[in-house]
């Protein structure tokens, strides 16, 4: 009787942990979708670290087909936003650096004109 009670508690605890980590992924995905336009490079790095921690926890459990499909969809959403966010941020920095360099070159050329 005591052993069956312990087994039930263990199953409930495992189910709760599984649901918690699925909820964590859901919340992270929602947060990324809602705030992506506000993130800078450092923000994206933090979100990626959070994603990797959650993803590692997700791998500890088995899921129904429906749960796995939802997890995969959320993973895809996060990865898509990471790709666009980091690329966009890097692209902006490259564009800014190119513009600064062009201004420097223009200034040098102006100074060297007779």
N, C-alpha and C. Protein backbone atom coordinates (compact mmCIF):
# COMPACT_ATOMS: atom_id res chain seq x y z
N UNK A 1 0.82 -1.19 0.00
CA UNK A 1 0.00 0.00 0.00
C UNK A 1 0.87 1.27 0.00
N UNK A 2 1.89 1.28 0.83
CA UNK A 2 2.78 2.43 0.90
C UNK A 2 3.54 2.58 -0.42
N UNK A 3 3.97 1.45 -0.99
CA UNK A 3 4.71 1.50 -2.25
C UNK A 3 3.85 2.04 -3.38
N UNK A 4 2.58 1.65 -3.41
CA UNK A 4 1.72 2.15 -4.48
C UNK A 4 1.50 3.66 -4.32
N UNK A 5 1.43 4.14 -3.11
CA UNK A 5 1.29 5.58 -2.86
C UNK A 5 2.53 6.33 -3.32
N UNK A 6 3.69 5.77 -3.06
CA UNK A 6 4.95 6.38 -3.50
C UNK A 6 5.02 6.40 -5.02
N UNK A 7 4.61 5.30 -5.65
CA UNK A 7 4.62 5.22 -7.11
C UNK A 7 3.69 6.28 -7.71
N UNK A 8 2.52 6.45 -7.11
CA UNK A 8 1.56 7.45 -7.61
C UNK A 8 2.14 8.85 -7.47
N UNK A 9 2.77 9.14 -6.33
CA UNK A 9 3.39 10.45 -6.12
C UNK A 9 4.50 10.70 -7.14
N UNK A 10 5.28 9.66 -7.41
CA UNK A 10 6.37 9.79 -8.38
C UNK A 10 5.80 10.09 -9.77
N UNK A 11 4.76 9.36 -10.17
CA UNK A 11 4.15 9.59 -11.47
C UNK A 11 3.57 11.00 -11.57
N UNK A 12 2.94 11.45 -10.50
CA UNK A 12 2.37 12.80 -10.49
C UNK A 12 3.47 13.84 -10.59
N UNK A 13 4.58 13.60 -9.89
CA UNK A 13 5.70 14.53 -9.92
C UNK A 13 6.31 14.59 -11.31
N UNK A 14 6.48 13.42 -11.94
CA UNK A 14 7.04 13.39 -13.29
C UNK A 14 6.13 14.09 -14.27
N UNK A 15 4.84 13.86 -14.16
CA UNK A 15 3.88 14.50 -15.06
C UNK A 15 3.91 16.01 -14.87
N UNK A 16 3.98 16.45 -13.62
CA UNK A 16 4.04 17.88 -13.33
C UNK A 16 5.31 18.49 -13.92
N UNK A 17 6.44 17.83 -13.76
CA UNK A 17 7.71 18.34 -14.30
C UNK A 17 7.64 18.43 -15.81
N UNK A 18 7.08 17.41 -16.43
CA UNK A 18 6.93 17.40 -17.89
C UNK A 18 6.05 18.56 -18.32
N UNK A 19 4.94 18.75 -17.64
CA UNK A 19 4.04 19.85 -17.99
C UNK A 19 4.70 21.20 -17.74
N UNK A 20 5.50 21.29 -16.68
CA UNK A 20 6.19 22.56 -16.39
C UNK A 20 7.17 22.94 -17.49
N UNK A 21 7.94 21.97 -17.96
CA UNK A 21 8.93 22.28 -18.99
C UNK A 21 8.23 22.60 -20.31
N UNK A 22 7.12 21.94 -20.59
CA UNK A 22 6.34 22.28 -21.79
C UNK A 22 5.77 23.69 -21.66
N UNK A 23 5.34 24.05 -20.46
CA UNK A 23 4.83 25.40 -20.22
C UNK A 23 5.94 26.43 -20.39
N UNK A 24 7.15 26.08 -19.92
CA UNK A 24 8.29 26.99 -20.07
C UNK A 24 8.57 27.28 -21.54
N UNK A 25 8.53 26.24 -22.37
CA UNK A 25 8.75 26.44 -23.80
C UNK A 25 7.64 27.29 -24.40
N UNK A 26 6.42 27.03 -24.00
CA UNK A 26 5.28 27.81 -24.50
C UNK A 26 5.43 29.28 -24.14
N UNK A 27 5.81 29.56 -22.90
CA UNK A 27 5.98 30.95 -22.45
C UNK A 27 7.14 31.63 -23.17
N UNK A 28 8.25 30.90 -23.35
CA UNK A 28 9.39 31.48 -24.06
C UNK A 28 9.02 31.80 -25.50
N UNK A 29 8.31 30.89 -26.14
CA UNK A 29 7.89 31.11 -27.53
C UNK A 29 7.00 32.34 -27.62
N UNK A 30 6.01 32.43 -26.74
CA UNK A 30 5.12 33.59 -26.74
C UNK A 30 5.89 34.89 -26.51
N UNK A 31 6.83 34.85 -25.58
CA UNK A 31 7.62 36.04 -25.26
C UNK A 31 8.45 36.48 -26.47
N UNK A 32 9.05 35.53 -27.15
CA UNK A 32 9.87 35.85 -28.33
C UNK A 32 9.00 36.44 -29.44
N UNK A 33 7.86 35.82 -29.69
CA UNK A 33 6.98 36.30 -30.76
C UNK A 33 6.50 37.72 -30.46
N UNK A 34 6.14 37.97 -29.20
CA UNK A 34 5.60 39.27 -28.82
C UNK A 34 6.65 40.38 -28.79
N UNK A 35 7.90 40.04 -28.45
CA UNK A 35 8.91 41.07 -28.20
C UNK A 35 10.08 41.07 -29.18
N UNK A 36 10.03 40.28 -30.21
CA UNK A 36 11.16 40.12 -31.12
C UNK A 36 11.67 41.45 -31.66
N UNK A 37 10.78 42.36 -31.96
CA UNK A 37 11.20 43.64 -32.54
C UNK A 37 11.97 44.53 -31.56
N UNK A 38 11.88 44.21 -30.29
CA UNK A 38 12.54 45.02 -29.26
C UNK A 38 13.92 44.48 -28.87
N UNK A 39 14.27 43.28 -29.30
CA UNK A 39 15.49 42.63 -28.84
C UNK A 39 16.72 43.14 -29.58
N UNK A 40 17.81 43.25 -28.83
CA UNK A 40 19.11 43.51 -29.43
C UNK A 40 19.91 42.20 -29.42
N UNK A 41 21.13 42.26 -29.87
CA UNK A 41 21.94 41.04 -29.99
C UNK A 41 22.08 40.30 -28.66
N UNK A 42 22.31 41.05 -27.61
CA UNK A 42 22.48 40.45 -26.28
C UNK A 42 21.19 39.78 -25.81
N UNK A 43 20.05 40.41 -26.08
CA UNK A 43 18.75 39.81 -25.74
C UNK A 43 18.56 38.48 -26.45
N UNK A 44 18.93 38.45 -27.74
CA UNK A 44 18.80 37.21 -28.50
C UNK A 44 19.68 36.12 -27.91
N UNK A 45 20.87 36.49 -27.47
CA UNK A 45 21.76 35.50 -26.86
C UNK A 45 21.13 34.93 -25.58
N UNK A 46 20.54 35.78 -24.76
CA UNK A 46 19.88 35.33 -23.53
C UNK A 46 18.72 34.39 -23.85
N UNK A 47 17.93 34.75 -24.85
CA UNK A 47 16.79 33.91 -25.23
C UNK A 47 17.26 32.56 -25.77
N UNK A 48 18.36 32.57 -26.51
CA UNK A 48 18.90 31.31 -27.02
C UNK A 48 19.38 30.42 -25.88
N UNK A 49 20.03 31.01 -24.88
CA UNK A 49 20.46 30.21 -23.71
C UNK A 49 19.26 29.62 -22.98
N UNK A 50 18.22 30.42 -22.81
CA UNK A 50 16.99 29.91 -22.18
C UNK A 50 16.41 28.77 -22.99
N UNK A 51 16.38 28.94 -24.30
CA UNK A 51 15.85 27.91 -25.18
C UNK A 51 16.64 26.61 -25.03
N UNK A 52 17.96 26.70 -25.00
CA UNK A 52 18.79 25.50 -24.89
C UNK A 52 18.60 24.80 -23.54
N UNK A 53 18.43 25.58 -22.47
CA UNK A 53 18.16 24.97 -21.15
C UNK A 53 16.83 24.22 -21.17
N UNK A 54 15.82 24.85 -21.72
CA UNK A 54 14.49 24.23 -21.80
C UNK A 54 14.55 23.01 -22.70
N UNK A 55 15.23 23.13 -23.83
CA UNK A 55 15.31 22.02 -24.77
C UNK A 55 15.99 20.80 -24.14
N UNK A 56 17.01 21.05 -23.35
CA UNK A 56 17.70 19.96 -22.66
C UNK A 56 16.75 19.26 -21.69
N UNK A 57 15.94 20.03 -20.97
CA UNK A 57 14.96 19.45 -20.04
C UNK A 57 13.88 18.67 -20.79
N UNK A 58 13.48 19.18 -21.95
CA UNK A 58 12.44 18.51 -22.75
C UNK A 58 12.87 17.11 -23.15
N UNK A 59 14.15 16.91 -23.36
CA UNK A 59 14.66 15.63 -23.82
C UNK A 59 14.59 14.53 -22.76
N UNK A 60 14.28 14.89 -21.53
CA UNK A 60 14.20 13.91 -20.44
C UNK A 60 12.89 13.13 -20.44
N UNK A 61 11.91 13.57 -21.19
CA UNK A 61 10.57 12.99 -21.12
C UNK A 61 10.15 12.42 -22.47
N UNK A 62 9.12 11.57 -22.42
CA UNK A 62 8.49 11.08 -23.64
C UNK A 62 7.15 11.79 -23.78
N UNK A 63 6.70 11.94 -25.02
CA UNK A 63 5.51 12.74 -25.29
C UNK A 63 4.56 11.98 -26.20
N UNK A 64 3.30 12.37 -26.12
CA UNK A 64 2.32 11.85 -27.07
C UNK A 64 2.61 12.49 -28.42
N UNK A 65 2.01 11.98 -29.47
CA UNK A 65 2.21 12.56 -30.80
C UNK A 65 1.78 14.03 -30.82
N UNK A 66 0.67 14.32 -30.19
CA UNK A 66 0.18 15.70 -30.16
C UNK A 66 1.11 16.62 -29.41
N UNK A 67 1.60 16.16 -28.26
CA UNK A 67 2.55 16.97 -27.48
C UNK A 67 3.82 17.20 -28.28
N UNK A 68 4.32 16.14 -28.92
CA UNK A 68 5.56 16.26 -29.68
C UNK A 68 5.39 17.22 -30.85
N UNK A 69 4.24 17.16 -31.50
CA UNK A 69 3.97 18.07 -32.63
C UNK A 69 3.97 19.52 -32.15
N UNK A 70 3.36 19.77 -31.00
CA UNK A 70 3.32 21.13 -30.45
C UNK A 70 4.73 21.60 -30.06
N UNK A 71 5.49 20.73 -29.44
CA UNK A 71 6.87 21.05 -29.04
C UNK A 71 7.70 21.36 -30.28
N UNK A 72 7.58 20.52 -31.31
CA UNK A 72 8.34 20.74 -32.54
C UNK A 72 7.97 22.07 -33.20
N UNK A 73 6.68 22.39 -33.19
CA UNK A 73 6.23 23.66 -33.78
C UNK A 73 6.81 24.84 -33.00
N UNK A 74 6.81 24.75 -31.68
CA UNK A 74 7.36 25.85 -30.88
C UNK A 74 8.87 25.95 -31.06
N UNK A 75 9.54 24.81 -31.13
CA UNK A 75 10.99 24.83 -31.40
C UNK A 75 11.25 25.55 -32.73
N UNK A 76 10.49 25.18 -33.75
CA UNK A 76 10.66 25.79 -35.06
C UNK A 76 10.44 27.29 -35.04
N UNK A 77 9.41 27.72 -34.31
CA UNK A 77 9.14 29.15 -34.17
C UNK A 77 10.32 29.86 -33.53
N UNK A 78 10.81 29.31 -32.43
CA UNK A 78 11.95 29.93 -31.73
C UNK A 78 13.17 30.00 -32.64
N UNK A 79 13.49 28.89 -33.28
CA UNK A 79 14.68 28.85 -34.14
C UNK A 79 14.54 29.84 -35.30
N UNK A 80 13.35 29.93 -35.87
CA UNK A 80 13.12 30.90 -36.94
C UNK A 80 13.34 32.33 -36.47
N UNK A 81 12.80 32.66 -35.32
CA UNK A 81 13.00 34.01 -34.78
C UNK A 81 14.46 34.26 -34.43
N UNK A 82 15.15 33.25 -33.88
CA UNK A 82 16.58 33.42 -33.57
C UNK A 82 17.36 33.73 -34.84
N UNK A 83 17.07 33.02 -35.90
CA UNK A 83 17.78 33.20 -37.16
C UNK A 83 17.57 34.61 -37.69
N UNK A 84 16.33 35.03 -37.75
CA UNK A 84 16.01 36.36 -38.26
C UNK A 84 16.56 37.45 -37.33
N UNK A 85 16.39 37.26 -36.03
CA UNK A 85 16.83 38.27 -35.06
C UNK A 85 18.33 38.47 -35.06
N UNK A 86 19.07 37.40 -35.00
CA UNK A 86 20.53 37.51 -34.96
C UNK A 86 21.06 38.01 -36.30
N UNK A 87 20.51 37.49 -37.40
CA UNK A 87 20.94 37.96 -38.72
C UNK A 87 20.63 39.44 -38.89
N UNK A 88 19.43 39.84 -38.51
CA UNK A 88 19.03 41.23 -38.65
C UNK A 88 19.91 42.15 -37.84
N UNK A 89 20.21 41.75 -36.62
CA UNK A 89 21.06 42.57 -35.74
C UNK A 89 22.47 42.67 -36.33
N UNK A 90 23.01 41.55 -36.81
CA UNK A 90 24.35 41.55 -37.41
C UNK A 90 24.35 42.39 -38.69
N UNK A 91 23.32 42.25 -39.47
CA UNK A 91 23.20 43.00 -40.71
C UNK A 91 23.17 44.50 -40.43
N UNK A 92 22.43 44.90 -39.39
CA UNK A 92 22.38 46.32 -39.02
C UNK A 92 23.75 46.84 -38.63
N UNK A 93 24.50 46.04 -37.87
CA UNK A 93 25.84 46.47 -37.44
C UNK A 93 26.79 46.59 -38.62
N UNK A 94 26.68 45.65 -39.55
CA UNK A 94 27.53 45.71 -40.74
C UNK A 94 27.20 46.95 -41.56
N UNK A 95 25.91 47.23 -41.73
CA UNK A 95 25.49 48.41 -42.48
C UNK A 95 25.99 49.68 -41.82
N UNK A 96 25.87 49.76 -40.50
CA UNK A 96 26.35 50.94 -39.77
C UNK A 96 27.87 51.10 -39.93
N UNK A 97 28.60 50.00 -39.82
CA UNK A 97 30.06 50.06 -39.95
C UNK A 97 30.45 50.49 -41.37
N UNK A 98 29.75 49.96 -42.37
CA UNK A 98 30.03 50.32 -43.75
C UNK A 98 29.80 51.82 -43.97
N UNK A 99 28.71 52.33 -43.40
CA UNK A 99 28.41 53.76 -43.55
C UNK A 99 29.49 54.61 -42.88
N UNK A 100 29.94 54.21 -41.71
CA UNK A 100 31.00 54.96 -41.02
C UNK A 100 32.28 54.94 -41.83
N UNK A 101 32.63 53.76 -42.35
CA UNK A 101 33.83 53.67 -43.17
C UNK A 101 33.72 54.53 -44.42
N UNK A 102 32.56 54.53 -45.04
CA UNK A 102 32.36 55.34 -46.23
C UNK A 102 32.52 56.82 -45.91
N UNK A 103 32.00 57.24 -44.76
CA UNK A 103 32.16 58.64 -44.34
C UNK A 103 33.64 58.98 -44.12
N UNK A 104 34.38 58.06 -43.55
CA UNK A 104 35.82 58.29 -43.34
C UNK A 104 36.54 58.41 -44.67
N UNK A 105 36.24 57.49 -45.59
CA UNK A 105 36.86 57.53 -46.92
C UNK A 105 36.50 58.83 -47.62
N UNK A 106 35.23 59.24 -47.55
CA UNK A 106 34.81 60.51 -48.17
C UNK A 106 35.59 61.68 -47.58
N UNK A 107 35.78 61.67 -46.26
CA UNK A 107 36.53 62.75 -45.61
C UNK A 107 37.97 62.77 -46.04
N UNK A 108 38.59 61.63 -46.17
CA UNK A 108 39.99 61.55 -46.61
C UNK A 108 40.11 62.05 -48.05
N UNK A 109 39.19 61.58 -48.90
CA UNK A 109 39.22 62.01 -50.31
C UNK A 109 39.05 63.52 -50.43
N UNK A 110 38.16 64.07 -49.62
CA UNK A 110 37.94 65.53 -49.63
C UNK A 110 39.18 66.28 -49.21
N UNK A 111 39.85 65.76 -48.19
CA UNK A 111 41.07 66.42 -47.69
C UNK A 111 42.20 66.32 -48.69
N UNK A 112 42.24 65.29 -49.51
CA UNK A 112 43.33 65.10 -50.46
C UNK A 112 43.12 65.76 -51.80
N UNK A 113 41.90 66.25 -52.04
CA UNK A 113 41.63 66.93 -53.33
C UNK A 113 42.36 68.25 -53.37
N UNK A 114 42.94 68.56 -54.55
CA UNK A 114 43.65 69.85 -54.68
C UNK A 114 42.70 71.01 -54.81
